[in-house]
Amino acid sequence: MRIASLLPLTAAAAATATSAGCKALNKSLSSLVFAPSSTVYEYEAQNFWSNTELMSPGCVFRPQSAEELSQGVKALVKANAQFAVRGGGHMGIRGSNNIDNGVLIVMSNLTTLELSDDRSVVSVGPAYRWAAVYDYLETYDLAVAGGRLGPVGVPGLLLAGGINFFGNQVGFGCDTVINYEVVLANGTIVEANATSHSDLFWALKGGSSNFGLVTRFDMETIESTQVWAGTYTVSAEYIDQFLEASATYAANISDPKTHIVPAVVPEGNTSVGSVILFYDSATESYPEIFKPFTDIPAVSNTMGFKTLAEFAAETGAMVTPHINDIFVAGTIKATTYADLYRGISIINSTFAAQLPSLYAQIPTANISIIELDWQPIGSSWLTASESRGGNALGLDKDQVYLCYAEVVEWIGSEYDEIVGDWVVETTYKINNATLEAGLYDSFNYMGDAAWFQDIFDGYGAENLAKLQTIAKRYDPEGVFQTLMPGGYKIF
């Protein structure tokens, strides 16, 4: 499987691409189309998280409803014009949600945000980032299984699956979506749920943008006043104990109210172990299951009772906007503490052994963040997913998966190629080491993946074939495979 990359166009081809899409939209939707000379274009063309996402679209199309988006898609398909779609703009891969010369469709004005009468369902438009959703729900003592960082966008997270704080109770964020409003490639607007377009409903739970453009997500709400959460950080001398604590938790996730994100963060010539701890309780602190971490002396501890909105703002402060960055995903799977600890250790030592070669090529002052983090996903999480109808990700509830992410953020575009080459080499070495140890799994979580990684092969052959069949049914001309070149493709 591939993520399409945008190849440079000749000047003549670029002019043709620009005129085809933008002129087609201007015929009937001119009030929603913005040229490079406009303030709207200047704002939207910069409204991305990472510098790697910044490009030069020929125009910006900003619909205000599913109907207007439908008209726009029909016009672009008729003109055979390329386009990109941006929701929250948090996927730091060049060309994944932006485009040179073509049409950039932005979801900024699709701003549905409302509760059902019984407050059990919240309808969310793709304009939002999770901080705004949590702020809205806090008024009602409610939450949802959304992003763990406030600045992350709603559509990208949910269409990738949706790792979230409540995963051990409700599964992936996509598992809590009960209905999608979707604009198809032919402009038709459909509601996809368990009883209507149920195949499309399943495919959107991890299948990304291969089937249509989602204009509304209807999600189950979760009662939530406060949670006990924060970041617990330990010094380098305790890293081995920190990794042991991570494996201990992963091997026996006995309390579904919990969620952890352990990370090793190199800092100069040393490292710290820093774990996000989340406990879904407004009254209980320092639960027994977290003792392997909290028994280690801390150099920093932000644990406390707070609302989910407050905590997402706290974690969101870790996000630096307009910086160069790469995330790379990977996974090991096992069932015992010994194997999980062995896998964590292999990943950590291989990653650490690669650092000197990066430091030798980039000044320390230009490296903003280097981090290696893990996400355990086990039986309680995957059983909760299954109980809600399952999803396209293809994970086995009898296994424990430790998904990990390599993170590098840096200053200076002159180092882009150096970092890119370094993460490719490092990932190759980690994958070979975990494969040799019998722990490797081909699943790569889309939300943390890099441009060079396969996604859908990791879902399993059966799920991939099912996704391909559904895509052909709803997009027989392959509009979202060809005219929208960004994103991970299933063909």
Protein backbone atom coordinates (compact mmCIF):
# COMPACT_ATOMS: atom_id res chain seq x y z
CA MET A 1 0.00 0.00 0.00
CA ARG A 2 1.21 3.52 -0.58
CA ILE A 3 0.81 7.11 0.33
CA ALA A 4 0.78 9.10 -2.85
CA SER A 5 3.43 11.76 -3.25
CA LEU A 6 2.98 14.81 -5.42
CA LEU A 7 5.52 15.05 -8.21
CA PRO A 8 6.70 18.47 -9.41
CA LEU A 9 4.72 19.77 -12.36
CA THR A 10 6.08 21.72 -15.29
CA ALA A 11 4.98 25.35 -15.41
CA ALA A 12 2.49 24.57 -18.19
CA ALA A 13 1.08 21.54 -16.38
CA ALA A 14 0.82 23.49 -13.14
CA ALA A 15 -1.15 26.26 -14.85
CA THR A 16 -3.46 23.68 -16.41
CA ALA A 17 -4.01 21.91 -13.08
CA THR A 18 -4.75 25.20 -11.35
CA SER A 19 -7.18 26.45 -13.98
CA ALA A 20 -9.02 23.14 -14.31
CA GLY A 21 -10.06 22.83 -10.67
CA CYS A 22 -10.34 26.43 -9.63
CA LYS A 23 -12.17 27.52 -12.78
CA ALA A 24 -14.60 24.63 -12.46
CA LEU A 25 -15.46 25.65 -8.90
CA ASN A 26 -15.71 29.33 -9.79
CA LYS A 27 -18.49 28.64 -12.27
CA SER A 28 -21.08 27.89 -9.59
CA LEU A 29 -19.38 28.28 -6.20
CA SER A 30 -17.30 31.42 -6.66
CA SER A 31 -18.13 32.86 -3.21
CA LEU A 32 -16.46 29.80 -1.65
CA VAL A 33 -13.30 29.84 -3.79
CA PHE A 34 -10.31 31.91 -2.70
CA ALA A 35 -7.34 32.90 -4.84
CA PRO A 36 -3.75 33.29 -3.57
CA SER A 37 -4.22 37.07 -3.34
CA SER A 38 -7.03 36.74 -0.74
CA THR A 39 -6.70 36.88 3.05
CA VAL A 40 -8.69 33.64 3.36
CA TYR A 41 -6.19 31.85 1.14
CA GLU A 42 -3.26 33.30 3.11
CA TYR A 43 -4.82 32.04 6.37
CA GLU A 44 -5.93 28.60 5.18
CA ALA A 45 -2.74 27.85 3.25
CA GLN A 46 -0.79 28.32 6.51
CA ASN A 47 -3.29 26.61 8.82
CA PHE A 48 -1.29 23.41 9.24
CA TRP A 49 0.58 22.00 12.21
CA SER A 50 3.89 21.14 10.57
CA ASN A 51 6.09 23.03 8.13
CA THR A 52 6.32 19.81 6.12
CA GLU A 53 2.63 20.27 5.21
CA LEU A 54 2.98 23.76 3.73
CA MET A 55 2.51 23.85 -0.05
CA SER A 56 1.08 26.16 -2.73
CA PRO A 57 -2.44 25.22 -3.79
CA GLY A 58 -3.91 26.98 -6.81
CA CYS A 59 -6.93 28.05 -4.77
CA VAL A 60 -8.78 27.24 -1.56
CA PHE A 61 -12.34 25.89 -1.58
CA ARG A 62 -14.13 26.40 1.75
CA PRO A 63 -17.65 24.90 1.72
CA GLN A 64 -20.11 25.65 4.51
CA SER A 65 -22.29 22.55 4.20
CA ALA A 66 -22.28 18.98 2.94
CA GLU A 67 -24.40 20.16 0.01
CA GLU A 68 -21.81 22.74 -1.05
CA LEU A 69 -19.02 20.18 -0.69
CA SER A 70 -21.08 17.80 -2.82
CA GLN A 71 -21.39 20.42 -5.56
CA GLY A 72 -17.66 21.06 -5.38
CA VAL A 73 -16.72 17.38 -5.63
CA LYS A 74 -18.98 16.94 -8.68
CA ALA A 75 -17.39 19.96 -10.35
CA LEU A 76 -13.85 18.74 -9.67
CA VAL A 77 -14.60 15.23 -10.91
CA LYS A 78 -16.20 16.60 -14.08
CA ALA A 79 -13.11 18.74 -14.68
CA ASN A 80 -10.81 15.80 -13.87
CA ALA A 81 -9.00 18.14 -11.48
CA GLN A 82 -6.75 17.19 -8.56
CA PHE A 83 -7.55 18.27 -5.01
CA ALA A 84 -6.50 17.81 -1.40
CA VAL A 85 -8.64 17.83 1.75
CA ARG A 86 -7.62 19.30 5.09
CA GLY A 87 -9.45 18.72 8.35
CA GLY A 88 -7.34 19.50 11.41
CA GLY A 89 -4.11 19.64 9.39
CA HIS A 90 -2.12 17.55 11.87
CA MET A 91 -0.72 14.81 9.61
CA GLY A 92 2.87 15.87 9.12
CA ILE A 93 3.44 14.29 5.72
CA ARG A 94 3.98 16.52 2.72
CA GLY A 95 1.08 16.12 0.30
CA SER A 96 -1.12 14.14 2.68
CA ASN A 97 -3.58 17.02 3.18
CA ASN A 98 -2.29 19.77 0.94
CA ILE A 99 -1.35 20.17 -2.71
CA ASP A 100 0.70 22.27 -5.10
CA ASN A 101 -1.33 23.97 -7.85
CA GLY A 102 -4.53 21.98 -7.34
CA VAL A 103 -7.55 22.76 -5.17
CA LEU A 104 -7.20 22.69 -1.39
CA ILE A 105 -10.58 21.82 0.16
CA VAL A 106 -10.69 22.98 3.77
CA MET A 107 -13.33 21.82 6.25
CA SER A 108 -13.04 24.96 8.41
CA ASN A 109 -16.69 26.00 8.02
CA LEU A 110 -18.28 22.58 8.57
CA THR A 111 -18.89 23.42 12.20
CA THR A 112 -21.69 21.18 13.50
CA LEU A 113 -21.29 20.72 17.26
CA GLU A 114 -24.44 19.68 19.09
CA LEU A 115 -25.80 17.12 21.52
CA SER A 116 -28.77 14.84 21.00
CA ASP A 117 -31.80 15.50 23.20
CA ASP A 118 -30.77 12.79 25.68
CA ARG A 119 -27.10 13.90 25.48
CA SER A 120 -25.95 10.39 24.59
CA VAL A 121 -24.61 11.43 21.18
CA VAL A 122 -22.61 14.44 20.07
CA SER A 123 -22.49 15.43 16.41
CA VAL A 124 -19.15 16.92 15.40
CA GLY A 125 -18.16 18.56 12.14
CA PRO A 126 -14.69 18.05 10.60
CA ALA A 127 -13.72 21.68 11.27
CA TYR A 128 -12.87 20.99 14.88
CA ARG A 129 -9.83 20.08 16.86
CA TRP A 130 -10.41 18.04 20.00
CA ALA A 131 -9.77 20.92 22.43
CA ALA A 132 -12.90 22.69 21.18
CA VAL A 133 -14.98 19.50 21.43
CA TYR A 134 -13.86 18.87 25.02
CA ASP A 135 -14.51 22.49 25.99
CA TYR A 136 -18.05 22.21 24.63
CA LEU A 137 -18.78 18.89 26.37
CA GLU A 138 -17.29 19.97 29.71
CA THR A 139 -20.32 22.21 30.28
CA TYR A 140 -22.47 19.06 30.35
CA ASP A 141 -20.04 16.89 32.38
CA LEU A 142 -19.42 14.80 29.28
CA ALA A 143 -16.48 13.66 27.17
CA VAL A 144 -15.78 11.53 24.09
CA ALA A 145 -13.12 9.07 23.00
CA GLY A 146 -11.18 11.65 21.03
CA GLY A 147 -7.62 12.84 20.68
CA ARG A 148 -5.20 12.96 23.60
CA LEU A 149 -3.70 16.26 22.43
CA GLY A 150 -6.04 19.22 22.18
CA PRO A 151 -4.68 20.56 18.85
CA VAL A 152 -5.25 17.28 16.97
CA GLY A 153 -8.06 17.40 14.41
CA VAL A 154 -11.27 15.39 14.64
CA PRO A 155 -11.48 13.76 11.18
CA GLY A 156 -7.90 12.54 10.83
CA LEU A 157 -7.90 10.85 14.22
CA LEU A 158 -11.26 9.09 13.82
CA LEU A 159 -10.64 7.93 10.26
CA ALA A 160 -7.28 6.45 11.30
CA GLY A 161 -8.89 4.49 14.14
CA GLY A 162 -8.53 6.85 17.05
CA ILE A 163 -6.24 6.00 19.97
CA ASN A 164 -7.77 7.72 22.99
CA PHE A 165 -7.73 7.92 26.79
CA PHE A 166 -10.84 5.75 27.21
CA GLY A 167 -9.66 2.93 24.93
CA ASN A 168 -9.73 0.19 27.57
CA GLN A 169 -13.40 0.97 28.16
CA VAL A 170 -14.75 1.76 24.69
CA GLY A 171 -12.12 0.70 22.15
CA PHE A 172 -10.85 3.00 19.42
CA GLY A 173 -12.45 6.38 18.90
CA CYS A 174 -13.94 5.12 15.65
CA ASP A 175 -15.74 2.38 17.58
CA THR A 176 -17.79 5.04 19.34
CA VAL A 177 -18.95 6.64 16.07
CA ILE A 178 -22.53 5.53 15.43
CA ASN A 179 -23.09 7.44 12.18
CA TYR A 180 -21.12 9.25 9.48
CA GLU A 181 -22.50 11.82 7.05
CA VAL A 182 -20.45 11.26 3.89
CA VAL A 183 -20.08 12.94 0.50
CA LEU A 184 -19.32 10.24 -2.06
CA ALA A 185 -17.25 10.57 -5.23
CA ASN A 186 -20.37 11.14 -7.36
CA GLY A 187 -21.57 13.90 -5.01
CA THR A 188 -24.24 11.80 -3.30
CA ILE A 189 -24.64 12.50 0.43
CA VAL A 190 -25.30 9.40 2.52
CA GLU A 191 -25.66 8.46 6.19
CA ALA A 192 -23.48 5.45 7.00
CA ASN A 193 -24.35 3.49 10.13
CA ALA A 194 -25.11 -0.03 11.34
CA THR A 195 -28.32 -0.25 9.32
CA SER A 196 -27.70 2.04 6.34
CA HIS A 197 -24.63 1.60 4.13
CA SER A 198 -23.25 -0.68 6.83
CA ASP A 199 -20.30 -1.75 4.68
CA LEU A 200 -19.19 1.87 4.28
CA PHE A 201 -19.77 2.38 8.01
CA TRP A 202 -17.29 -0.42 8.77
CA ALA A 203 -14.77 0.77 6.19
CA LEU A 204 -14.61 4.30 7.61
CA LYS A 205 -13.49 2.84 10.95
CA GLY A 206 -9.81 2.90 10.08
CA GLY A 207 -10.03 3.07 6.29
CA SER A 208 -9.24 6.79 6.08
CA SER A 209 -10.32 8.90 3.09
CA ASN A 210 -10.56 6.17 0.48
CA PHE A 211 -14.36 6.09 0.31
CA GLY A 212 -15.73 9.61 0.67
CA LEU A 213 -15.45 12.87 2.58
CA VAL A 214 -17.01 12.81 6.04
CA THR A 215 -18.92 15.97 6.91
CA ARG A 216 -20.27 14.89 10.30
CA PHE A 217 -19.33 12.35 12.97
CA ASP A 218 -22.03 11.24 15.44
CA MET A 219 -20.23 9.90 18.53
CA GLU A 220 -21.30 8.29 21.78
CA THR A 221 -20.66 10.55 24.76
CA ILE A 222 -19.03 9.48 28.03
CA GLU A 223 -19.97 10.83 31.45
CA SER A 224 -16.98 12.69 32.84
CA THR A 225 -16.60 15.38 35.50
CA GLN A 226 -12.90 15.04 36.28
CA VAL A 227 -10.12 12.56 35.71
CA TRP A 228 -6.90 11.93 37.60
CA ALA A 229 -4.15 12.51 35.07
CA GLY A 230 -0.82 14.09 34.32
CA THR A 231 2.77 13.40 33.31
CA TYR A 232 5.17 11.53 35.59
CA THR A 233 8.87 11.90 34.73
CA VAL A 234 11.88 9.99 36.07
CA SER A 235 15.62 10.45 35.59
CA ALA A 236 18.00 8.40 33.44
CA GLU A 237 19.14 6.16 36.30
CA TYR A 238 15.64 4.67 36.46
CA ILE A 239 15.09 4.06 32.73
CA ASP A 240 15.36 0.26 33.05
CA GLN A 241 12.84 0.27 35.90
CA PHE A 242 10.63 2.58 33.83
CA LEU A 243 10.69 0.14 30.90
CA GLU A 244 9.91 -2.73 33.26
CA ALA A 245 6.91 -0.77 34.55
CA SER A 246 5.71 -0.28 30.98
CA ALA A 247 5.91 -4.01 30.25
CA THR A 248 4.23 -4.86 33.57
CA TYR A 249 1.26 -2.67 32.72
CA ALA A 250 1.00 -3.94 29.13
CA ALA A 251 1.07 -7.58 30.23
CA ASN A 252 -1.87 -7.15 32.60
CA ILE A 253 -4.18 -4.23 31.86
CA SER A 254 -6.50 -5.18 34.68
CA ASP A 255 -8.21 -1.83 35.23
CA PRO A 256 -10.16 -0.49 32.23
CA LYS A 257 -10.22 3.04 33.66
CA THR A 258 -6.50 3.37 32.92
CA HIS A 259 -4.47 4.62 29.99
CA ILE A 260 -0.71 5.16 29.72
CA VAL A 261 1.74 6.57 27.19
CA PRO A 262 5.31 5.84 28.34
CA ALA A 263 8.12 7.56 26.48
CA VAL A 264 11.90 7.74 26.59
CA VAL A 265 13.06 11.26 25.78
CA PRO A 266 16.75 11.86 25.03
CA GLU A 267 18.01 15.14 26.47
CA GLY A 268 21.57 15.95 25.50
CA ASN A 269 23.86 13.23 26.83
CA THR A 270 21.16 11.65 28.97
CA SER A 271 17.50 10.61 28.80
CA VAL A 272 14.39 10.78 30.94
CA GLY A 273 11.44 8.43 31.17
CA SER A 274 8.16 10.32 31.00
CA VAL A 275 4.75 8.66 31.11
CA ILE A 276 1.30 10.12 30.59
CA LEU A 277 -0.94 8.51 33.19
CA PHE A 278 -4.72 8.72 32.90
CA TYR A 279 -7.28 7.36 35.34
CA ASP A 280 -10.98 7.82 34.68
CA SER A 281 -12.01 8.80 38.20
CA ALA A 282 -12.93 12.07 39.86
CA THR A 283 -12.11 10.72 43.33
CA GLU A 284 -9.37 8.08 43.22
CA SER A 285 -5.69 8.92 42.82
CA TYR A 286 -2.54 6.77 42.55
CA PRO A 287 -4.34 3.52 41.68
CA GLU A 288 -2.52 0.28 42.39
CA ILE A 289 -1.95 -0.50 38.72
CA PHE A 290 0.23 2.63 38.34
CA LYS A 291 2.50 1.82 41.30
CA PRO A 292 5.31 0.37 39.13
CA PHE A 293 5.63 3.91 37.74
CA THR A 294 4.74 6.04 40.74
CA ASP A 295 7.03 4.10 43.09
CA ILE A 296 9.96 5.42 41.05
CA PRO A 297 11.19 8.79 42.36
CA ALA A 298 9.98 11.58 40.08
CA VAL A 299 11.88 14.62 38.82
CA SER A 300 8.59 16.08 37.62
CA ASN A 301 4.98 15.21 38.45
CA THR A 302 1.88 16.98 37.13
CA MET A 303 -0.61 14.36 38.35
CA GLY A 304 -3.87 15.72 39.71
CA PHE A 305 -7.62 15.94 39.28
CA LYS A 306 -8.67 17.94 36.22
CA THR A 307 -11.28 17.93 33.51
CA LEU A 308 -10.55 16.20 30.23
CA ALA A 309 -10.54 19.60 28.57
CA GLU A 310 -7.90 20.82 31.02
CA PHE A 311 -5.78 17.72 30.51
CA ALA A 312 -6.00 17.90 26.70
CA ALA A 313 -4.82 21.50 26.98
CA GLU A 314 -1.93 20.36 29.19
CA THR A 315 -0.82 17.65 26.77
CA GLY A 316 -1.50 19.97 23.85
CA ALA A 317 1.11 22.36 25.20
CA MET A 318 3.66 19.73 24.11
CA VAL A 319 2.70 20.39 20.49
CA THR A 320 4.91 22.97 18.78
CA PRO A 321 3.21 24.51 15.75
CA HIS A 322 5.04 25.27 12.50
CA ILE A 323 8.05 23.09 13.07
CA ASN A 324 9.58 20.36 10.91
CA ASP A 325 8.67 16.91 12.15
CA ILE A 326 8.46 13.21 11.37
CA PHE A 327 6.48 10.51 13.17
CA VAL A 328 7.16 6.85 12.39
CA ALA A 329 4.91 4.02 13.58
CA GLY A 330 5.69 0.43 14.47
CA THR A 331 4.30 -2.47 16.48
CA ILE A 332 5.35 -5.56 18.37
CA LYS A 333 2.98 -8.16 19.76
CA ALA A 334 3.32 -10.71 22.56
CA THR A 335 1.36 -12.20 25.43
CA THR A 336 3.83 -12.35 28.33
CA TYR A 337 5.67 -9.82 30.45
CA ALA A 338 9.04 -11.31 29.47
CA ASP A 339 8.42 -10.91 25.75
CA LEU A 340 6.90 -7.46 26.08
CA TYR A 341 9.86 -6.26 28.14
CA ARG A 342 12.27 -7.82 25.65
CA GLY A 343 10.51 -6.04 22.80
CA ILE A 344 10.51 -2.66 24.52
CA SER A 345 14.20 -3.06 25.34
CA ILE A 346 15.11 -3.99 21.77
CA ILE A 347 13.26 -0.98 20.36
CA ASN A 348 14.76 1.40 22.91
CA SER A 349 18.35 0.16 22.56
CA THR A 350 18.21 0.14 18.75
CA PHE A 351 16.77 3.67 18.68
CA ALA A 352 19.38 4.90 21.18
CA ALA A 353 22.23 3.34 19.21
CA GLN A 354 21.17 5.37 16.17
CA LEU A 355 21.15 8.75 17.92
CA PRO A 356 24.88 9.57 17.61
CA SER A 357 24.65 9.47 13.81
CA LEU A 358 21.81 12.02 13.89
CA TYR A 359 23.59 14.27 16.37
CA ALA A 360 26.66 14.19 14.16
CA GLN A 361 24.70 15.73 11.28
CA ILE A 362 22.42 18.26 12.99
CA PRO A 363 23.40 20.87 15.59
CA THR A 364 21.86 20.18 18.97
CA ALA A 365 20.24 23.61 18.96
CA ASN A 366 18.28 22.65 15.85
CA ILE A 367 16.75 19.52 17.37
CA SER A 368 13.56 20.43 19.18
CA ILE A 369 12.36 16.99 20.29
CA ILE A 370 13.47 13.40 19.94
CA GLU A 371 11.20 10.84 21.55
CA LEU A 372 10.29 7.17 21.49
CA ASP A 373 6.90 6.28 22.94
CA TRP A 374 4.73 3.20 23.30
CA GLN A 375 0.99 2.51 23.33
CA PRO A 376 -0.17 -0.81 24.82
CA ILE A 377 -3.39 -2.19 23.32
CA GLY A 378 -4.66 -5.41 24.84
CA SER A 379 -7.68 -7.59 25.43
CA SER A 380 -9.91 -5.09 27.25
CA TRP A 381 -9.43 -2.51 24.49
CA LEU A 382 -10.00 -4.93 21.61
CA THR A 383 -12.93 -6.66 23.32
CA ALA A 384 -14.58 -3.25 23.71
CA SER A 385 -14.01 -2.64 19.99
CA GLU A 386 -15.52 -5.98 19.09
CA SER A 387 -18.58 -5.36 21.27
CA ARG A 388 -19.34 -2.25 19.20
CA GLY A 389 -19.19 -4.06 15.89
CA GLY A 390 -15.48 -4.03 15.22
CA ASN A 391 -13.41 -1.99 12.79
CA ALA A 392 -11.09 -2.37 9.82
CA LEU A 393 -7.81 -2.44 11.80
CA GLY A 394 -7.65 -6.24 12.10
CA LEU A 395 -6.14 -6.57 15.58
CA ASP A 396 -6.50 -9.83 17.54
CA LYS A 397 -7.94 -9.53 21.06
CA ASP A 398 -5.87 -12.54 22.19
CA GLN A 399 -2.64 -10.57 21.65
CA VAL A 400 -1.09 -7.59 23.38
CA TYR A 401 0.11 -4.98 20.92
CA LEU A 402 2.73 -2.43 21.80
CA CYS A 403 2.48 0.24 19.14
CA TYR A 404 5.37 2.66 19.21
CA ALA A 405 6.21 5.98 17.61
CA GLU A 406 9.57 7.47 16.74
CA VAL A 407 9.33 11.25 16.89
CA VAL A 408 11.82 13.82 15.61
CA GLU A 409 11.10 17.56 15.46
CA TRP A 410 13.72 19.98 14.20
CA ILE A 411 14.36 23.52 13.07
CA GLY A 412 15.64 24.21 9.56
CA SER A 413 14.40 22.75 6.28
CA GLU A 414 18.02 22.15 5.23
CA TYR A 415 17.97 19.13 7.59
CA ASP A 416 14.80 17.55 6.16
CA GLU A 417 16.59 14.98 4.03
CA ILE A 418 19.03 14.09 6.81
CA VAL A 419 16.23 13.38 9.26
CA GLY A 420 14.22 11.51 6.64
CA ASP A 421 17.12 9.22 5.80
CA TRP A 422 17.84 8.71 9.50
CA VAL A 423 14.31 7.60 10.42
CA VAL A 424 14.14 5.25 7.43
CA GLU A 425 17.40 3.58 8.48
CA THR A 426 16.41 3.50 12.16
CA THR A 427 13.01 2.00 11.41
CA TYR A 428 14.61 -0.64 9.19
CA LYS A 429 16.95 -1.64 12.01
CA ILE A 430 14.17 -1.73 14.64
CA ASN A 431 11.93 -3.82 12.39
CA ASN A 432 14.72 -6.28 11.63
CA ALA A 433 15.61 -6.59 15.31
CA THR A 434 12.02 -7.22 16.44
CA LEU A 435 11.47 -9.61 13.53
CA GLU A 436 14.54 -11.61 14.50
CA ALA A 437 13.21 -11.72 18.07
CA GLY A 438 9.87 -13.08 16.87
CA LEU A 439 7.96 -10.03 18.13
CA TYR A 440 7.42 -7.95 14.99
CA ASP A 441 3.92 -7.15 13.78
CA SER A 442 3.11 -5.47 10.46
CA PHE A 443 0.46 -3.16 11.93
CA ASN A 444 1.40 0.51 11.67
CA TYR A 445 -1.02 2.92 13.31
CA MET A 446 -1.91 5.43 10.63
CA GLY A 447 -2.05 8.39 13.02
CA ASP A 448 1.67 8.02 13.79
CA ALA A 449 2.95 6.75 10.45
CA ALA A 450 5.51 8.19 8.03
CA TRP A 451 5.35 8.60 4.26
CA PHE A 452 7.38 5.47 3.52
CA GLN A 453 5.29 3.05 5.58
CA ASP A 454 2.63 0.53 4.58
CA ILE A 455 -0.67 0.79 6.43
CA PHE A 456 -3.38 -1.42 5.02
CA ASP A 457 -1.26 -4.56 4.58
CA GLY A 458 -1.04 -4.52 8.37
CA TYR A 459 -4.82 -4.83 8.61
CA GLY A 460 -4.62 -8.38 7.23
CA ALA A 461 -5.36 -9.74 3.76
CA GLU A 462 -9.05 -10.33 4.45
CA ASN A 463 -9.71 -6.82 5.73
CA LEU A 464 -7.69 -5.26 2.92
CA ALA A 465 -9.64 -7.17 0.29
CA LYS A 466 -12.90 -6.11 1.96
CA LEU A 467 -11.80 -2.47 1.99
CA GLN A 468 -10.87 -2.63 -1.68
CA THR A 469 -14.26 -4.12 -2.58
CA ILE A 470 -16.09 -1.40 -0.64
CA ALA A 471 -13.99 1.34 -2.25
CA LYS A 472 -14.86 0.04 -5.73
CA ARG A 473 -18.54 -0.02 -4.79
CA TYR A 474 -18.67 3.57 -3.56
CA ASP A 475 -15.96 5.08 -5.78
CA PRO A 476 -15.91 2.96 -8.95
CA GLU A 477 -13.92 5.55 -10.91
CA GLY A 478 -11.22 5.77 -8.23
CA VAL A 479 -11.66 9.49 -7.58
CA PHE A 480 -10.16 9.26 -4.09
CA GLN A 481 -7.31 7.11 -5.38
CA THR A 482 -6.28 9.43 -8.24
CA LEU A 483 -7.77 12.94 -8.19
CA MET A 484 -7.03 13.20 -4.46
CA PRO A 485 -3.39 12.07 -4.49
CA GLY A 486 -2.67 12.61 -0.79
CA GLY A 487 -3.26 10.08 1.96
CA TYR A 488 -2.74 6.36 2.33
CA LYS A 489 -4.28 4.47 -0.58
CA ILE A 490 -5.76 0.98 -0.61
CA PHE A 491 -4.89 0.23 -4.24
